Amino acid sequence: MAFENEQAAKAYWKANVRLMLTLLVVWFVASFGLGILLAEPLNVIRIGGVKLGFWFAQQGSIYIFVALIFVYVWQMNELDKKFGVREE
């Protein structure tokens, strides 16, 4: 990757780290928060006959993780375009 200057490289890395931390927080809240900490209150809600807290613990956090992978790819492509380092 060729950046215009060191400042652009640092800005790119800062934006990349911010994106990763944001997505990790979302994943943590979904898996640990909804699947463990809030499982009992969420179990009052049923979707398709399954308790919502149980669903988040067993399936929901996995689906959210996969969705976050796609969000990361999309956002990184946008970031690459912004900084002119897009792969071709």
N, C-alpha and C. Protein backbone atom coordinates (compact mmCIF):
# COMPACT_ATOMS: atom_id res chain seq x y z
N MET A 1 0.84 -1.18 0.00
CA MET A 1 0.00 0.00 0.00
C MET A 1 0.88 1.24 0.00
N ALA A 2 0.51 2.15 -0.81
CA ALA A 2 1.27 3.39 -0.89
C ALA A 2 0.39 4.55 -0.45
N PHE A 3 0.79 5.17 0.63
CA PHE A 3 0.05 6.33 1.13
C PHE A 3 0.77 7.59 0.68
N GLU A 4 0.01 8.66 0.62
CA GLU A 4 0.59 9.94 0.21
C GLU A 4 1.67 10.39 1.19
N ASN A 5 1.41 10.18 2.48
CA ASN A 5 2.37 10.56 3.50
C ASN A 5 2.10 9.74 4.77
N GLU A 6 2.93 9.95 5.74
CA GLU A 6 2.81 9.20 6.99
C GLU A 6 1.52 9.55 7.74
N GLN A 7 1.10 10.79 7.62
CA GLN A 7 -0.13 11.23 8.28
C GLN A 7 -1.35 10.47 7.71
N ALA A 8 -1.37 10.26 6.41
CA ALA A 8 -2.46 9.50 5.78
C ALA A 8 -2.43 8.05 6.25
N ALA A 9 -1.25 7.48 6.38
CA ALA A 9 -1.13 6.11 6.85
C ALA A 9 -1.64 5.98 8.29
N LYS A 10 -1.30 6.95 9.12
CA LYS A 10 -1.77 6.92 10.51
C LYS A 10 -3.28 7.10 10.58
N ALA A 11 -3.84 7.97 9.74
CA ALA A 11 -5.29 8.18 9.72
C ALA A 11 -6.00 6.92 9.25
N TYR A 12 -5.43 6.24 8.27
CA TYR A 12 -6.01 4.98 7.78
C TYR A 12 -6.01 3.94 8.89
N TRP A 13 -4.89 3.79 9.56
CA TRP A 13 -4.79 2.80 10.63
C TRP A 13 -5.74 3.14 11.78
N LYS A 14 -5.85 4.41 12.12
CA LYS A 14 -6.75 4.84 13.19
C LYS A 14 -8.20 4.50 12.83
N ALA A 15 -8.59 4.76 11.60
CA ALA A 15 -9.95 4.44 11.16
C ALA A 15 -10.18 2.94 11.17
N ASN A 16 -9.17 2.17 10.78
CA ASN A 16 -9.27 0.72 10.77
C ASN A 16 -9.45 0.18 12.19
N VAL A 17 -8.66 0.66 13.11
CA VAL A 17 -8.75 0.22 14.51
C VAL A 17 -10.10 0.62 15.11
N ARG A 18 -10.57 1.82 14.81
CA ARG A 18 -11.87 2.27 15.31
C ARG A 18 -12.98 1.35 14.81
N LEU A 19 -12.93 0.99 13.53
CA LEU A 19 -13.92 0.07 12.96
C LEU A 19 -13.87 -1.29 13.65
N MET A 20 -12.67 -1.83 13.83
CA MET A 20 -12.54 -3.14 14.48
C MET A 20 -13.07 -3.09 15.91
N LEU A 21 -12.73 -2.06 16.66
CA LEU A 21 -13.19 -1.96 18.04
C LEU A 21 -14.71 -1.82 18.11
N THR A 22 -15.29 -1.06 17.20
CA THR A 22 -16.74 -0.90 17.16
C THR A 22 -17.42 -2.23 16.90
N LEU A 23 -16.91 -2.97 15.92
CA LEU A 23 -17.51 -4.27 15.60
C LEU A 23 -17.31 -5.28 16.72
N LEU A 24 -16.17 -5.23 17.39
CA LEU A 24 -15.94 -6.12 18.53
C LEU A 24 -16.88 -5.82 19.68
N VAL A 25 -17.16 -4.55 19.90
CA VAL A 25 -18.12 -4.17 20.96
C VAL A 25 -19.50 -4.69 20.61
N VAL A 26 -19.90 -4.54 19.36
CA VAL A 26 -21.22 -5.06 18.94
C VAL A 26 -21.27 -6.56 19.16
N TRP A 27 -20.22 -7.27 18.77
CA TRP A 27 -20.20 -8.72 18.93
C TRP A 27 -20.22 -9.11 20.42
N PHE A 28 -19.47 -8.38 21.25
CA PHE A 28 -19.46 -8.66 22.69
C PHE A 28 -20.84 -8.46 23.29
N VAL A 29 -21.49 -7.35 22.95
CA VAL A 29 -22.83 -7.08 23.48
C VAL A 29 -23.80 -8.17 23.05
N ALA A 30 -23.71 -8.57 21.78
CA ALA A 30 -24.63 -9.60 21.27
C ALA A 30 -24.36 -10.96 21.91
N SER A 31 -23.10 -11.35 22.01
CA SER A 31 -22.81 -12.70 22.51
C SER A 31 -22.82 -12.77 24.04
N PHE A 32 -22.06 -11.92 24.68
CA PHE A 32 -21.97 -11.98 26.14
C PHE A 32 -23.16 -11.28 26.80
N GLY A 33 -23.48 -10.09 26.31
CA GLY A 33 -24.57 -9.33 26.92
C GLY A 33 -25.92 -9.99 26.74
N LEU A 34 -26.30 -10.23 25.49
CA LEU A 34 -27.63 -10.80 25.22
C LEU A 34 -27.68 -12.30 25.46
N GLY A 35 -26.57 -12.99 25.22
CA GLY A 35 -26.57 -14.44 25.37
C GLY A 35 -26.33 -14.94 26.77
N ILE A 36 -25.71 -14.12 27.63
CA ILE A 36 -25.39 -14.57 28.99
C ILE A 36 -26.01 -13.64 30.03
N LEU A 37 -25.62 -12.37 30.02
CA LEU A 37 -26.07 -11.45 31.07
C LEU A 37 -27.58 -11.19 31.03
N LEU A 38 -28.14 -11.02 29.85
CA LEU A 38 -29.55 -10.70 29.74
C LEU A 38 -30.39 -11.89 29.26
N ALA A 39 -29.85 -13.08 29.37
CA ALA A 39 -30.56 -14.26 28.86
C ALA A 39 -31.89 -14.48 29.59
N GLU A 40 -31.88 -14.37 30.90
CA GLU A 40 -33.12 -14.62 31.66
C GLU A 40 -34.23 -13.62 31.31
N PRO A 41 -33.95 -12.31 31.32
CA PRO A 41 -35.02 -11.38 30.93
C PRO A 41 -35.49 -11.59 29.49
N LEU A 42 -34.56 -11.95 28.61
CA LEU A 42 -34.93 -12.17 27.21
C LEU A 42 -35.72 -13.46 27.00
N ASN A 43 -35.59 -14.40 27.93
CA ASN A 43 -36.30 -15.67 27.80
C ASN A 43 -37.80 -15.51 27.91
N VAL A 44 -38.26 -14.37 28.38
CA VAL A 44 -39.70 -14.09 28.45
C VAL A 44 -40.26 -13.97 27.03
N ILE A 45 -39.43 -13.49 26.11
CA ILE A 45 -39.83 -13.32 24.72
C ILE A 45 -39.56 -14.62 23.96
N ARG A 46 -40.54 -15.05 23.20
CA ARG A 46 -40.36 -16.27 22.40
C ARG A 46 -40.52 -15.93 20.92
N ILE A 47 -39.63 -16.49 20.13
CA ILE A 47 -39.70 -16.35 18.68
C ILE A 47 -39.69 -17.75 18.09
N GLY A 48 -40.78 -18.08 17.42
CA GLY A 48 -40.89 -19.43 16.84
C GLY A 48 -40.87 -20.51 17.90
N GLY A 49 -41.35 -20.21 19.09
CA GLY A 49 -41.39 -21.19 20.17
C GLY A 49 -40.09 -21.32 20.94
N VAL A 50 -39.08 -20.54 20.58
CA VAL A 50 -37.77 -20.62 21.25
C VAL A 50 -37.57 -19.37 22.09
N LYS A 51 -37.06 -19.55 23.29
CA LYS A 51 -36.76 -18.41 24.16
C LYS A 51 -35.66 -17.56 23.53
N LEU A 52 -35.85 -16.26 23.54
CA LEU A 52 -34.93 -15.35 22.86
C LEU A 52 -33.53 -15.39 23.49
N GLY A 53 -33.43 -15.46 24.80
CA GLY A 53 -32.13 -15.53 25.46
C GLY A 53 -31.37 -16.78 25.05
N PHE A 54 -32.07 -17.90 25.00
CA PHE A 54 -31.46 -19.16 24.56
C PHE A 54 -31.02 -19.05 23.11
N TRP A 55 -31.87 -18.44 22.26
CA TRP A 55 -31.53 -18.30 20.85
C TRP A 55 -30.26 -17.48 20.66
N PHE A 56 -30.15 -16.35 21.39
CA PHE A 56 -28.94 -15.54 21.27
C PHE A 56 -27.71 -16.32 21.73
N ALA A 57 -27.84 -17.09 22.78
CA ALA A 57 -26.70 -17.85 23.29
C ALA A 57 -26.28 -18.94 22.31
N GLN A 58 -27.23 -19.56 21.63
CA GLN A 58 -26.93 -20.69 20.76
C GLN A 58 -26.71 -20.31 19.30
N GLN A 59 -27.50 -19.41 18.77
CA GLN A 59 -27.45 -19.10 17.34
C GLN A 59 -27.21 -17.63 17.03
N GLY A 60 -27.86 -16.77 17.77
CA GLY A 60 -27.86 -15.34 17.44
C GLY A 60 -26.48 -14.73 17.37
N SER A 61 -25.62 -15.05 18.33
CA SER A 61 -24.28 -14.45 18.32
C SER A 61 -23.47 -14.93 17.12
N ILE A 62 -23.72 -16.15 16.65
CA ILE A 62 -23.02 -16.66 15.47
C ILE A 62 -23.49 -15.90 14.23
N TYR A 63 -24.82 -15.73 14.10
CA TYR A 63 -25.34 -14.98 12.95
C TYR A 63 -24.83 -13.54 12.95
N ILE A 64 -24.79 -12.94 14.12
CA ILE A 64 -24.31 -11.57 14.22
C ILE A 64 -22.83 -11.51 13.85
N PHE A 65 -22.05 -12.49 14.28
CA PHE A 65 -20.63 -12.53 13.94
C PHE A 65 -20.45 -12.60 12.43
N VAL A 66 -21.19 -13.46 11.76
CA VAL A 66 -21.08 -13.58 10.30
C VAL A 66 -21.50 -12.27 9.62
N ALA A 67 -22.56 -11.65 10.12
CA ALA A 67 -23.00 -10.37 9.56
C ALA A 67 -21.91 -9.31 9.76
N LEU A 68 -21.24 -9.33 10.91
CA LEU A 68 -20.18 -8.36 11.17
C LEU A 68 -18.99 -8.55 10.23
N ILE A 69 -18.74 -9.77 9.80
CA ILE A 69 -17.68 -10.02 8.82
C ILE A 69 -18.00 -9.29 7.52
N PHE A 70 -19.25 -9.40 7.07
CA PHE A 70 -19.65 -8.72 5.85
C PHE A 70 -19.60 -7.19 6.02
N VAL A 71 -20.01 -6.71 7.18
CA VAL A 71 -19.94 -5.27 7.45
C VAL A 71 -18.49 -4.81 7.43
N TYR A 72 -17.60 -5.60 8.02
CA TYR A 72 -16.18 -5.24 8.04
C TYR A 72 -15.61 -5.15 6.61
N VAL A 73 -15.92 -6.14 5.79
CA VAL A 73 -15.42 -6.14 4.41
C VAL A 73 -15.94 -4.92 3.66
N TRP A 74 -17.22 -4.64 3.80
CA TRP A 74 -17.82 -3.49 3.12
C TRP A 74 -17.19 -2.19 3.59
N GLN A 75 -17.05 -2.03 4.91
CA GLN A 75 -16.49 -0.79 5.45
C GLN A 75 -15.00 -0.63 5.10
N MET A 76 -14.26 -1.74 5.08
CA MET A 76 -12.84 -1.65 4.71
C MET A 76 -12.69 -1.30 3.24
N ASN A 77 -13.55 -1.79 2.38
CA ASN A 77 -13.51 -1.40 0.97
C ASN A 77 -13.76 0.10 0.83
N GLU A 78 -14.72 0.61 1.60
CA GLU A 78 -15.00 2.05 1.58
C GLU A 78 -13.80 2.84 2.10
N LEU A 79 -13.18 2.34 3.16
CA LEU A 79 -12.01 3.01 3.73
C LEU A 79 -10.85 2.99 2.74
N ASP A 80 -10.66 1.86 2.06
CA ASP A 80 -9.60 1.78 1.05
C ASP A 80 -9.83 2.79 -0.08
N LYS A 81 -11.08 2.92 -0.51
CA LYS A 81 -11.39 3.91 -1.56
C LYS A 81 -11.08 5.32 -1.07
N LYS A 82 -11.48 5.59 0.15
CA LYS A 82 -11.28 6.93 0.71
C LYS A 82 -9.80 7.31 0.75
N PHE A 83 -8.95 6.35 1.08
CA PHE A 83 -7.51 6.64 1.21
C PHE A 83 -6.72 6.29 -0.04
N GLY A 84 -7.42 5.84 -1.08
CA GLY A 84 -6.75 5.55 -2.34
C GLY A 84 -5.84 4.35 -2.31
N VAL A 85 -6.16 3.36 -1.52
CA VAL A 85 -5.33 2.15 -1.43
C VAL A 85 -6.14 0.90 -1.77
N ARG A 86 -7.17 1.09 -2.58
CA ARG A 86 -8.05 -0.01 -2.93
C ARG A 86 -7.33 -1.03 -3.79
N GLU A 87 -7.56 -2.31 -3.47
CA GLU A 87 -6.98 -3.39 -4.27
C GLU A 87 -7.78 -3.54 -5.54
N GLU A 88 -7.11 -3.97 -6.58
CA GLU A 88 -7.82 -4.13 -7.86
C GLU A 88 -7.77 -5.56 -8.31
